[in-house]
Amino acid sequence: MKYSLLHRVDAEGVLHFGLELGEEYANKFVRVTVEGVGPASGDAPLSDEEWSKRVKDLAGKWLGEFERPPQGEYEQREELS
């Protein structure tokens, strides 16, 4: 079993989260790996104006075709009783 969670660390640098794994994991060890994502620590989030400029700078950069790959067949399931 593998989970991926994304949570914000609070202003005091503390991460709070809960994850219910089920009784089969009761009294067992699990590994939690912390990996930073997003801006480096100390970097302020982008202002609305900076974000807008960033989005406008990216506009028109895609040179490929937009296409949706085949989605496969719809799975037929038994009726629930």
N, C-alpha and C. Protein backbone atom coordinates (compact mmCIF):
# COMPACT_ATOMS: atom_id res chain seq x y z
N MET A 1 0.85 -1.17 0.00
CA MET A 1 0.00 0.00 0.00
C MET A 1 0.90 1.23 0.00
N LYS A 2 0.53 2.23 -0.80
CA LYS A 2 1.30 3.46 -0.86
C LYS A 2 0.33 4.63 -0.94
N TYR A 3 0.53 5.64 -0.11
CA TYR A 3 -0.30 6.84 -0.11
C TYR A 3 0.56 8.04 -0.43
N SER A 4 -0.04 9.02 -1.05
CA SER A 4 0.63 10.29 -1.29
C SER A 4 -0.28 11.39 -0.76
N LEU A 5 0.21 12.17 0.17
CA LEU A 5 -0.57 13.24 0.77
C LEU A 5 0.14 14.56 0.54
N LEU A 6 -0.62 15.63 0.42
CA LEU A 6 -0.04 16.96 0.28
C LEU A 6 -0.70 17.84 1.33
N HIS A 7 0.09 18.32 2.28
CA HIS A 7 -0.41 19.17 3.35
C HIS A 7 0.53 20.36 3.52
N ARG A 8 -0.03 21.47 4.00
CA ARG A 8 0.77 22.67 4.27
C ARG A 8 1.28 22.62 5.70
N VAL A 9 2.55 22.95 5.89
CA VAL A 9 3.14 23.06 7.21
C VAL A 9 2.71 24.40 7.79
N ASP A 10 2.32 24.44 9.07
CA ASP A 10 1.81 25.69 9.64
C ASP A 10 2.94 26.69 9.88
N ALA A 11 2.58 27.89 10.33
CA ALA A 11 3.54 28.99 10.50
C ALA A 11 4.63 28.66 11.51
N GLU A 12 4.36 27.73 12.42
CA GLU A 12 5.37 27.33 13.41
C GLU A 12 6.24 26.19 12.91
N GLY A 13 6.03 25.74 11.68
CA GLY A 13 6.83 24.67 11.11
C GLY A 13 6.36 23.28 11.51
N VAL A 14 5.10 23.17 11.95
CA VAL A 14 4.57 21.88 12.40
C VAL A 14 3.59 21.35 11.35
N LEU A 15 3.74 20.08 11.02
CA LEU A 15 2.84 19.41 10.09
C LEU A 15 1.85 18.56 10.87
N HIS A 16 0.57 18.79 10.66
CA HIS A 16 -0.48 18.02 11.32
C HIS A 16 -1.26 17.26 10.24
N PHE A 17 -1.41 15.96 10.38
CA PHE A 17 -2.25 15.21 9.46
C PHE A 17 -2.67 13.91 10.12
N GLY A 18 -3.76 13.36 9.62
CA GLY A 18 -4.23 12.06 10.10
C GLY A 18 -4.48 11.17 8.89
N LEU A 19 -4.18 9.90 9.06
CA LEU A 19 -4.36 8.96 7.96
C LEU A 19 -4.84 7.63 8.55
N GLU A 20 -6.07 7.26 8.22
CA GLU A 20 -6.62 6.01 8.71
C GLU A 20 -6.22 4.89 7.75
N LEU A 21 -5.44 3.93 8.26
CA LEU A 21 -4.93 2.84 7.43
C LEU A 21 -5.75 1.56 7.56
N GLY A 22 -6.53 1.43 8.60
CA GLY A 22 -7.32 0.23 8.79
C GLY A 22 -6.70 -0.68 9.84
N GLU A 23 -7.53 -1.59 10.33
CA GLU A 23 -7.11 -2.47 11.42
C GLU A 23 -5.94 -3.37 11.05
N GLU A 24 -5.78 -3.71 9.77
CA GLU A 24 -4.67 -4.60 9.40
C GLU A 24 -3.30 -3.96 9.67
N TYR A 25 -3.27 -2.63 9.86
CA TYR A 25 -2.01 -1.94 10.16
C TYR A 25 -1.88 -1.59 11.64
N ALA A 26 -2.85 -1.97 12.46
CA ALA A 26 -2.80 -1.66 13.89
C ALA A 26 -1.58 -2.30 14.52
N ASN A 27 -0.90 -1.55 15.38
CA ASN A 27 0.28 -2.01 16.12
C ASN A 27 1.44 -2.42 15.23
N LYS A 28 1.52 -1.85 14.02
CA LYS A 28 2.63 -2.12 13.11
C LYS A 28 3.36 -0.82 12.80
N PHE A 29 4.60 -0.94 12.40
CA PHE A 29 5.37 0.23 12.00
C PHE A 29 5.05 0.61 10.56
N VAL A 30 5.06 1.91 10.28
CA VAL A 30 4.94 2.42 8.91
C VAL A 30 6.05 3.46 8.73
N ARG A 31 6.39 3.72 7.50
CA ARG A 31 7.42 4.71 7.20
C ARG A 31 6.76 5.96 6.64
N VAL A 32 7.12 7.12 7.20
CA VAL A 32 6.64 8.40 6.70
C VAL A 32 7.84 9.14 6.16
N THR A 33 7.79 9.52 4.89
CA THR A 33 8.88 10.25 4.26
C THR A 33 8.42 11.68 4.00
N VAL A 34 9.22 12.64 4.43
CA VAL A 34 8.89 14.06 4.23
C VAL A 34 9.73 14.58 3.08
N GLU A 35 9.06 15.15 2.09
CA GLU A 35 9.73 15.69 0.91
C GLU A 35 9.10 17.05 0.61
N GLY A 36 9.90 18.09 0.66
CA GLY A 36 9.38 19.43 0.40
C GLY A 36 8.97 19.60 -1.05
N VAL A 37 7.90 20.34 -1.29
CA VAL A 37 7.45 20.66 -2.64
C VAL A 37 7.13 22.14 -2.68
N GLY A 38 7.10 22.70 -3.87
CA GLY A 38 6.73 24.10 -4.01
C GLY A 38 7.93 25.01 -3.75
N PRO A 39 7.64 26.27 -3.41
CA PRO A 39 8.72 27.24 -3.20
C PRO A 39 9.65 26.80 -2.07
N ALA A 40 10.92 27.16 -2.19
CA ALA A 40 11.88 26.85 -1.13
C ALA A 40 11.49 27.57 0.14
N SER A 41 11.88 27.03 1.28
CA SER A 41 11.52 27.66 2.54
C SER A 41 12.06 29.08 2.55
N GLY A 42 11.27 29.99 3.05
CA GLY A 42 11.66 31.39 3.09
C GLY A 42 11.14 32.17 1.90
N ASP A 43 10.78 31.51 0.80
CA ASP A 43 10.22 32.20 -0.35
C ASP A 43 8.77 32.53 -0.08
N ALA A 44 8.39 33.77 -0.33
CA ALA A 44 7.00 34.17 -0.15
C ALA A 44 6.18 33.66 -1.33
N PRO A 45 4.90 33.32 -1.11
CA PRO A 45 4.05 32.92 -2.23
C PRO A 45 3.91 34.08 -3.22
N LEU A 46 3.61 33.76 -4.45
CA LEU A 46 3.46 34.79 -5.47
C LEU A 46 2.25 35.66 -5.18
N SER A 47 2.39 36.95 -5.40
CA SER A 47 1.24 37.85 -5.28
C SER A 47 0.32 37.61 -6.48
N ASP A 48 -0.89 38.14 -6.43
CA ASP A 48 -1.82 37.99 -7.55
C ASP A 48 -1.22 38.55 -8.83
N GLU A 49 -0.53 39.68 -8.72
CA GLU A 49 0.07 40.31 -9.89
C GLU A 49 1.21 39.45 -10.46
N GLU A 50 2.05 38.89 -9.58
CA GLU A 50 3.15 38.03 -10.03
C GLU A 50 2.61 36.75 -10.67
N TRP A 51 1.56 36.19 -10.07
CA TRP A 51 0.95 34.98 -10.62
C TRP A 51 0.38 35.25 -12.01
N SER A 52 -0.33 36.37 -12.15
CA SER A 52 -0.92 36.74 -13.43
C SER A 52 0.17 36.90 -14.50
N LYS A 53 1.28 37.56 -14.14
CA LYS A 53 2.39 37.74 -15.09
C LYS A 53 2.97 36.38 -15.48
N ARG A 54 3.12 35.49 -14.51
CA ARG A 54 3.67 34.16 -14.80
C ARG A 54 2.78 33.39 -15.77
N VAL A 55 1.47 33.44 -15.54
CA VAL A 55 0.53 32.75 -16.42
C VAL A 55 0.57 33.35 -17.82
N LYS A 56 0.59 34.68 -17.92
CA LYS A 56 0.63 35.34 -19.23
C LYS A 56 1.93 35.03 -19.97
N ASP A 57 3.04 34.89 -19.23
CA ASP A 57 4.32 34.54 -19.86
C ASP A 57 4.28 33.13 -20.47
N LEU A 58 3.46 32.25 -19.89
CA LEU A 58 3.35 30.88 -20.39
C LEU A 58 2.37 30.75 -21.56
N ALA A 59 1.49 31.72 -21.70
CA ALA A 59 0.45 31.65 -22.74
C ALA A 59 1.08 31.53 -24.12
N GLY A 60 0.58 30.57 -24.90
CA GLY A 60 1.06 30.39 -26.27
C GLY A 60 2.34 29.59 -26.39
N LYS A 61 2.87 29.05 -25.30
CA LYS A 61 4.13 28.32 -25.32
C LYS A 61 3.98 26.88 -25.83
N TRP A 62 2.78 26.30 -25.69
CA TRP A 62 2.57 24.91 -26.11
C TRP A 62 2.58 24.83 -27.62
N LEU A 63 3.42 23.97 -28.18
CA LEU A 63 3.55 23.87 -29.62
C LEU A 63 2.98 22.57 -30.18
N GLY A 64 2.59 21.65 -29.31
CA GLY A 64 2.08 20.36 -29.76
C GLY A 64 0.58 20.41 -30.02
N GLU A 65 0.01 19.23 -30.25
CA GLU A 65 -1.42 19.09 -30.46
C GLU A 65 -2.07 18.63 -29.16
N PHE A 66 -3.26 19.11 -28.90
CA PHE A 66 -4.02 18.62 -27.76
C PHE A 66 -4.86 17.45 -28.25
N GLU A 67 -4.68 16.31 -27.64
CA GLU A 67 -5.45 15.14 -28.03
C GLU A 67 -5.73 14.31 -26.79
N ARG A 68 -6.84 13.66 -26.79
CA ARG A 68 -7.20 12.78 -25.69
C ARG A 68 -6.92 11.35 -26.12
N PRO A 69 -6.05 10.66 -25.38
CA PRO A 69 -5.76 9.28 -25.76
C PRO A 69 -6.98 8.39 -25.56
N PRO A 70 -7.02 7.22 -26.20
CA PRO A 70 -8.15 6.31 -26.02
C PRO A 70 -8.37 6.00 -24.55
N GLN A 71 -9.63 5.94 -24.13
CA GLN A 71 -9.97 5.74 -22.74
C GLN A 71 -10.26 4.29 -22.39
N GLY A 72 -10.26 3.41 -23.37
CA GLY A 72 -10.52 2.00 -23.09
C GLY A 72 -12.01 1.72 -22.95
N GLU A 73 -12.32 0.50 -22.61
CA GLU A 73 -13.71 0.08 -22.48
C GLU A 73 -14.22 0.33 -21.07
N TYR A 74 -15.49 0.64 -20.96
CA TYR A 74 -16.13 0.83 -19.66
C TYR A 74 -16.24 -0.51 -18.95
N GLU A 75 -15.79 -0.55 -17.69
CA GLU A 75 -15.84 -1.78 -16.92
C GLU A 75 -17.27 -2.11 -16.52
N GLN A 76 -17.72 -3.32 -16.82
CA GLN A 76 -19.04 -3.77 -16.43
C GLN A 76 -18.95 -4.42 -15.05
N ARG A 77 -19.75 -3.92 -14.11
CA ARG A 77 -19.70 -4.44 -12.74
C ARG A 77 -21.04 -5.07 -12.38
N GLU A 78 -20.99 -5.96 -11.41
CA GLU A 78 -22.21 -6.59 -10.94
C GLU A 78 -23.04 -5.57 -10.16
N GLU A 79 -24.36 -5.76 -10.21
CA GLU A 79 -25.27 -4.89 -9.46
C GLU A 79 -25.07 -5.05 -7.97
N LEU A 80 -25.14 -3.95 -7.22
CA LEU A 80 -25.08 -4.03 -5.77
C LEU A 80 -26.46 -4.43 -5.25
N SER A 81 -26.48 -5.24 -4.23
CA SER A 81 -27.79 -5.65 -3.70
C SER A 81 -28.14 -4.90 -2.45
